[in-house]
Amino acid sequence: MKNIIGRRSIFLSVSGTLVVLSVIAIIVFGFRFGIEFKGGTLWQLSFEQNSAAKDTLETFFKNEIKKENVTVIPQETGKMFLIRTEEISEPERQENLKLLETKFGPVQELSFQAIGASIGKELGQKSITAFLLVLFAISTYIAFAFRKSSHPVSSWKYGLITLATLFHDALIPVGLFAVLGHYLGVDIDVNFMVAVLVVMGFSVHDTIVVFDRVRENLKSPEARKKDFNTLVNESINQTLARSINTSLTLVLVLLAVLFFGSSTLTYFTLTILIGTIIGTYSSIFIASPLLTLWQGKKVEI
């Protein structure tokens, strides 16, 4: 049997370090928001000839079209590009297409999406509200669900610890994307917010599995013969294989999508992949150790 609770200081230190680094990254680098949040244009173009490349397109937009903030993302075919830039009006759009055709040859417009700054700001506020509401709703639900059979551990402790682990699971990917945004120009968009919510849903499922086993073991006749830390450690070991195997199957699928799927899904998939790994770690090595720290060894069962 693995003594996870006995080594909780190591696991909590690792998580604490990652959380601190994430907060520092967010403060120092900030976020590079996509057009959904700050307004702008998302333009998908396909060139019939191999005349366009990422660098040449970025230079063209900056020098010829006079757009300073532009990001060009190559697509899987090599002839297709996703371009994020400042807001472009309809007359500018038609004029820019002609300039592109003159410079690079025949070009096909696959999609064009323009979002105003006010709409982007509203969408950003709604995304933050949705994130906070999900945190509150999940922790409240767990506290409610454990209310009648959580003795000797108060149900609200399960809820608050779940809230802390969910915040931990969301904060680390957010911190990573602050770094990616600074060094690689990766934007935080609606897909990223969706991915974070998916991660939270997966993480809370895993945490509930462990907590539910703790609750069941607290009801057993043998529970009176053991201290609380031992009982929680046994509960973790009983669910360890299930948690890892469940996460591993998802990780393998996400790796396949990451390496062989569409490039437009790369960072969406990466967010879920990182969040899944962090969420599995927190469910096993963070949530239950926090419960033992809060509850203490002496528990009347």
Protein backbone atom coordinates (compact mmCIF):
# COMPACT_ATOMS: atom_id res chain seq x y z
CA MET A 1 0.00 0.00 0.00
CA LYS A 2 1.35 3.40 -0.99
CA ASN A 3 1.72 5.86 1.88
CA ILE A 4 0.33 8.90 0.08
CA ILE A 5 -0.88 10.72 3.18
CA GLY A 6 2.52 10.18 4.84
CA ARG A 7 4.18 12.02 1.94
CA ARG A 8 1.53 14.71 1.63
CA SER A 9 4.00 17.51 2.36
CA ILE A 10 5.89 16.60 -0.83
CA PHE A 11 2.77 16.52 -2.99
CA LEU A 12 1.37 19.72 -1.51
CA SER A 13 4.74 21.45 -1.99
CA VAL A 14 4.79 20.50 -5.68
CA SER A 15 1.30 21.88 -6.18
CA GLY A 16 2.07 24.99 -4.15
CA THR A 17 5.13 25.66 -6.31
CA LEU A 18 3.12 25.25 -9.54
CA VAL A 19 0.39 27.55 -8.25
CA VAL A 20 2.91 30.24 -7.22
CA LEU A 21 4.67 30.01 -10.59
CA SER A 22 1.32 30.28 -12.37
CA VAL A 23 0.36 33.39 -10.40
CA ILE A 24 3.77 34.96 -11.12
CA ALA A 25 3.40 34.18 -14.85
CA ILE A 26 -0.07 35.76 -14.91
CA ILE A 27 1.13 38.89 -13.10
CA VAL A 28 4.36 39.28 -15.13
CA PHE A 29 3.17 38.26 -18.60
CA GLY A 30 -0.59 38.86 -18.46
CA PHE A 31 -2.80 37.36 -21.14
CA ARG A 32 -2.91 37.61 -24.90
CA PHE A 33 -6.64 37.69 -25.54
CA GLY A 34 -8.17 36.46 -28.77
CA ILE A 35 -10.55 38.49 -30.89
CA GLU A 36 -13.54 37.00 -29.08
CA PHE A 37 -12.57 39.00 -25.99
CA LYS A 38 -10.88 42.13 -27.31
CA GLY A 39 -12.54 42.45 -30.71
CA GLY A 40 -10.93 42.02 -34.10
CA THR A 41 -11.02 39.83 -37.20
CA LEU A 42 -10.52 36.12 -37.70
CA TRP A 43 -9.84 35.41 -41.37
CA GLN A 44 -9.27 31.98 -42.90
CA LEU A 45 -7.67 32.05 -46.35
CA SER A 46 -6.52 29.38 -48.79
CA PHE A 47 -3.96 30.09 -51.51
CA GLU A 48 -3.99 28.01 -54.70
CA GLN A 49 -0.24 28.30 -55.07
CA ASN A 50 2.48 27.71 -52.49
CA SER A 51 3.29 31.38 -52.71
CA ALA A 52 2.36 32.34 -49.13
CA ALA A 53 4.13 31.53 -45.88
CA LYS A 54 3.64 32.55 -42.26
CA ASP A 55 6.44 35.14 -42.21
CA THR A 56 5.60 36.66 -45.60
CA LEU A 57 1.91 37.00 -44.69
CA GLU A 58 2.71 38.67 -41.37
CA THR A 59 5.06 41.08 -43.11
CA PHE A 60 2.48 41.77 -45.81
CA PHE A 61 -0.28 42.58 -43.30
CA LYS A 62 2.00 44.87 -41.30
CA ASN A 63 3.59 46.71 -44.22
CA GLU A 64 0.96 46.70 -46.96
CA ILE A 65 -2.34 46.52 -45.05
CA LYS A 66 -0.99 48.49 -42.06
CA LYS A 67 -2.18 46.11 -39.33
CA GLU A 68 0.27 46.05 -36.44
CA ASN A 69 -1.36 43.32 -34.37
CA VAL A 70 -1.50 40.27 -36.61
CA THR A 71 -1.03 36.56 -35.95
CA VAL A 72 -0.79 34.04 -38.79
CA ILE A 73 -1.43 30.36 -37.99
CA PRO A 74 -0.55 27.85 -40.75
CA GLN A 75 -3.14 25.11 -41.29
CA GLU A 76 -2.56 21.46 -42.12
CA THR A 77 -2.44 21.75 -45.92
CA GLY A 78 0.36 24.31 -46.08
CA LYS A 79 -1.73 26.51 -48.36
CA MET A 80 -4.31 27.45 -45.73
CA PHE A 81 -3.81 30.08 -43.03
CA LEU A 82 -5.82 31.41 -40.09
CA ILE A 83 -5.19 35.13 -39.61
CA ARG A 84 -6.04 37.06 -36.45
CA THR A 85 -5.80 40.81 -36.71
CA GLU A 86 -7.46 44.10 -35.83
CA GLU A 87 -11.05 44.76 -36.85
CA ILE A 88 -11.45 45.03 -40.64
CA SER A 89 -14.44 46.77 -42.19
CA GLU A 90 -16.27 45.37 -45.21
CA PRO A 91 -14.71 47.85 -47.71
CA GLU A 92 -11.26 47.06 -46.27
CA ARG A 93 -11.98 43.37 -46.59
CA GLN A 94 -12.67 43.58 -50.32
CA GLU A 95 -9.69 45.83 -50.91
CA ASN A 96 -7.39 43.55 -48.89
CA LEU A 97 -8.49 40.50 -50.87
CA LYS A 98 -7.46 42.22 -54.09
CA LEU A 99 -4.08 43.13 -52.58
CA LEU A 100 -3.56 39.55 -51.45
CA GLU A 101 -4.39 38.20 -54.90
CA THR A 102 -1.97 40.66 -56.50
CA LYS A 103 0.81 39.62 -54.13
CA PHE A 104 0.23 35.87 -53.73
CA GLY A 105 -1.99 34.83 -56.61
CA PRO A 106 -5.52 33.30 -56.46
CA VAL A 107 -6.86 33.25 -52.91
CA GLN A 108 -10.02 31.65 -51.55
CA GLU A 109 -11.77 33.08 -48.52
CA LEU A 110 -12.95 30.18 -46.34
CA SER A 111 -14.31 32.19 -43.43
CA PHE A 112 -14.42 35.75 -42.15
CA GLN A 113 -15.43 36.69 -38.61
CA ALA A 114 -15.34 40.21 -37.20
CA ILE A 115 -16.18 41.02 -33.58
CA GLY A 116 -16.51 44.52 -32.18
CA ALA A 117 -14.61 45.55 -29.05
CA SER A 118 -17.79 46.05 -27.01
CA ILE A 119 -19.08 42.57 -27.86
CA GLY A 120 -15.69 41.09 -27.00
CA LYS A 121 -15.67 42.81 -23.62
CA GLU A 122 -19.16 41.52 -22.84
CA LEU A 123 -18.18 37.99 -23.84
CA GLY A 124 -15.11 38.15 -21.60
CA GLN A 125 -17.22 39.22 -18.63
CA LYS A 126 -19.70 36.40 -19.26
CA SER A 127 -16.87 33.85 -19.48
CA ILE A 128 -15.48 34.93 -16.11
CA THR A 129 -18.98 34.85 -14.60
CA ALA A 130 -19.56 31.35 -15.98
CA PHE A 131 -16.25 30.16 -14.51
CA LEU A 132 -17.05 31.53 -11.03
CA LEU A 133 -20.61 30.17 -11.12
CA VAL A 134 -19.33 26.71 -12.02
CA LEU A 135 -16.90 26.79 -9.09
CA PHE A 136 -19.64 27.85 -6.70
CA ALA A 137 -22.26 25.43 -8.05
CA ILE A 138 -19.99 22.38 -7.92
CA SER A 139 -18.72 23.03 -4.38
CA THR A 140 -22.24 23.76 -3.15
CA TYR A 141 -23.60 20.60 -4.76
CA ILE A 142 -20.93 18.42 -3.13
CA ALA A 143 -21.58 19.96 0.28
CA PHE A 144 -25.31 19.31 -0.22
CA ALA A 145 -24.85 15.75 -1.49
CA PHE A 146 -22.66 14.79 1.50
CA ARG A 147 -24.85 16.51 4.08
CA LYS A 148 -26.60 13.42 5.57
CA SER A 149 -23.80 10.88 5.53
CA SER A 150 -20.58 12.80 5.96
CA HIS A 151 -20.12 12.22 9.72
CA PRO A 152 -17.64 12.76 11.29
CA VAL A 153 -16.38 15.11 8.54
CA SER A 154 -18.58 18.15 7.93
CA SER A 155 -20.05 18.18 4.44
CA TRP A 156 -18.99 21.77 3.82
CA LYS A 157 -15.35 20.71 4.23
CA TYR A 158 -15.71 18.38 1.25
CA GLY A 159 -17.22 21.25 -0.70
CA LEU A 160 -14.56 23.83 0.15
CA ILE A 161 -11.69 21.41 -0.51
CA THR A 162 -13.23 20.54 -3.87
CA LEU A 163 -13.44 24.27 -4.60
CA ALA A 164 -9.74 24.67 -3.76
CA THR A 165 -8.69 21.75 -5.98
CA LEU A 166 -10.81 22.99 -8.89
CA PHE A 167 -9.23 26.42 -8.62
CA HIS A 168 -5.81 24.70 -8.52
CA ASP A 169 -6.67 22.65 -11.64
CA ALA A 170 -7.80 25.73 -13.56
CA LEU A 171 -5.05 28.10 -12.42
CA ILE A 172 -2.09 26.00 -13.60
CA PRO A 173 -3.24 25.75 -17.27
CA VAL A 174 -4.09 29.46 -17.19
CA GLY A 175 -0.58 30.24 -15.94
CA LEU A 176 0.93 28.07 -18.65
CA PHE A 177 -1.03 29.93 -21.32
CA ALA A 178 0.21 33.24 -19.95
CA VAL A 179 3.73 31.95 -20.69
CA LEU A 180 2.74 30.59 -24.12
CA GLY A 181 1.05 33.88 -24.95
CA HIS A 182 4.18 35.84 -24.08
CA TYR A 183 6.70 33.65 -25.91
CA LEU A 184 4.66 32.01 -28.69
CA GLY A 185 1.82 34.47 -29.22
CA VAL A 186 -0.88 31.98 -28.16
CA ASP A 187 -4.26 33.64 -27.61
CA ILE A 188 -6.80 32.91 -24.90
CA ASP A 189 -10.11 32.48 -26.69
CA VAL A 190 -13.53 30.94 -26.14
CA ASN A 191 -12.15 27.48 -26.92
CA PHE A 192 -9.71 27.89 -24.05
CA MET A 193 -12.49 28.80 -21.63
CA VAL A 194 -14.51 25.78 -22.78
CA ALA A 195 -11.45 23.56 -22.28
CA VAL A 196 -10.97 24.85 -18.71
CA LEU A 197 -14.62 24.10 -17.89
CA VAL A 198 -14.22 20.60 -19.34
CA VAL A 199 -11.16 20.08 -17.14
CA MET A 200 -13.08 21.19 -14.07
CA GLY A 201 -15.89 18.75 -14.85
CA PHE A 202 -13.47 15.86 -15.23
CA SER A 203 -11.50 16.80 -12.13
CA VAL A 204 -14.52 17.08 -9.86
CA HIS A 205 -15.70 13.64 -10.99
CA ASP A 206 -12.38 12.10 -9.93
CA THR A 207 -12.38 13.98 -6.62
CA ILE A 208 -15.90 12.81 -5.80
CA VAL A 209 -14.88 9.19 -6.41
CA VAL A 210 -12.11 9.48 -3.79
CA PHE A 211 -14.24 11.40 -1.31
CA ASP A 212 -17.10 8.95 -1.68
CA ARG A 213 -14.78 6.07 -0.83
CA VAL A 214 -13.60 7.97 2.24
CA ARG A 215 -17.21 8.45 3.27
CA GLU A 216 -18.01 4.74 2.80
CA ASN A 217 -14.98 3.63 4.79
CA LEU A 218 -15.91 5.96 7.63
CA LYS A 219 -19.17 3.98 7.99
CA SER A 220 -17.46 0.59 8.20
CA PRO A 221 -17.13 -1.21 11.57
CA GLU A 222 -13.33 -1.32 11.18
CA ALA A 223 -13.17 2.48 11.02
CA ARG A 224 -13.18 2.79 14.83
CA LYS A 225 -9.90 0.87 15.02
CA LYS A 226 -8.01 3.25 12.71
CA ASP A 227 -6.97 6.87 12.85
CA PHE A 228 -8.35 9.22 10.22
CA ASN A 229 -5.12 9.53 8.21
CA THR A 230 -4.83 5.75 7.83
CA LEU A 231 -8.43 5.45 6.73
CA VAL A 232 -8.07 8.19 4.11
CA ASN A 233 -4.84 6.66 2.83
CA GLU A 234 -6.59 3.31 2.40
CA SER A 235 -9.43 5.02 0.54
CA ILE A 236 -6.99 6.64 -1.90
CA ASN A 237 -5.27 3.33 -2.57
CA GLN A 238 -8.61 1.64 -3.21
CA THR A 239 -9.47 4.18 -5.92
CA LEU A 240 -5.94 4.78 -7.22
CA ALA A 241 -5.99 2.25 -10.06
CA ARG A 242 -9.42 3.37 -11.24
CA SER A 243 -8.45 7.04 -11.26
CA ILE A 244 -5.19 6.49 -13.14
CA ASN A 245 -6.68 4.07 -15.67
CA THR A 246 -9.62 6.38 -16.40
CA SER A 247 -7.31 9.35 -16.88
CA LEU A 248 -4.84 7.35 -18.96
CA THR A 249 -7.47 6.40 -21.53
CA LEU A 250 -8.41 10.07 -21.92
CA VAL A 251 -4.75 11.14 -22.10
CA LEU A 252 -4.07 8.66 -24.93
CA VAL A 253 -7.03 9.99 -26.91
CA LEU A 254 -5.95 13.59 -26.34
CA LEU A 255 -2.39 12.80 -27.42
CA ALA A 256 -3.72 11.29 -30.65
CA VAL A 257 -5.81 14.40 -31.33
CA LEU A 258 -2.89 16.67 -30.40
CA PHE A 259 -0.43 15.07 -32.81
CA PHE A 260 -2.72 13.92 -35.62
CA GLY A 261 -5.76 16.20 -35.38
CA SER A 262 -6.47 19.59 -36.90
CA SER A 263 -4.04 22.36 -36.04
CA THR A 264 -6.99 24.58 -35.08
CA LEU A 265 -7.61 22.22 -32.12
CA THR A 266 -3.99 22.13 -30.94
CA TYR A 267 -4.23 24.50 -27.98
CA PHE A 268 -7.77 23.43 -27.09
CA THR A 269 -6.55 19.83 -26.86
CA LEU A 270 -3.37 20.87 -25.03
CA THR A 271 -5.42 22.67 -22.37
CA ILE A 272 -7.58 19.62 -21.72
CA LEU A 273 -4.52 17.34 -21.72
CA ILE A 274 -2.65 19.41 -19.15
CA GLY A 275 -5.80 19.92 -17.10
CA THR A 276 -6.54 16.19 -17.10
CA ILE A 277 -3.07 15.38 -15.78
CA ILE A 278 -3.21 18.14 -13.16
CA GLY A 279 -6.79 17.20 -12.22
CA THR A 280 -5.89 13.54 -11.72
CA TYR A 281 -2.91 14.57 -9.61
CA SER A 282 -5.00 16.89 -7.45
CA SER A 283 -7.78 14.35 -6.92
CA ILE A 284 -5.32 11.80 -5.55
CA PHE A 285 -2.49 13.80 -4.02
CA ILE A 286 -4.10 17.12 -3.06
CA ALA A 287 -7.80 16.82 -2.18
CA SER A 288 -7.56 13.99 0.37
CA PRO A 289 -4.31 15.21 1.97
CA LEU A 290 -5.97 18.60 2.45
CA LEU A 291 -8.88 16.81 4.11
CA THR A 292 -6.55 15.10 6.59
CA LEU A 293 -4.75 18.35 7.35
CA TRP A 294 -8.00 20.16 8.03
CA GLN A 295 -9.71 17.36 9.95
CA GLY A 296 -6.69 16.19 11.95
CA LYS A 297 -5.96 12.69 13.21
CA LYS A 298 -8.35 12.66 16.14
CA VAL A 299 -11.80 11.94 14.79
CA GLU A 300 -14.68 10.40 16.70
CA ILE A 301 -16.20 7.90 14.28
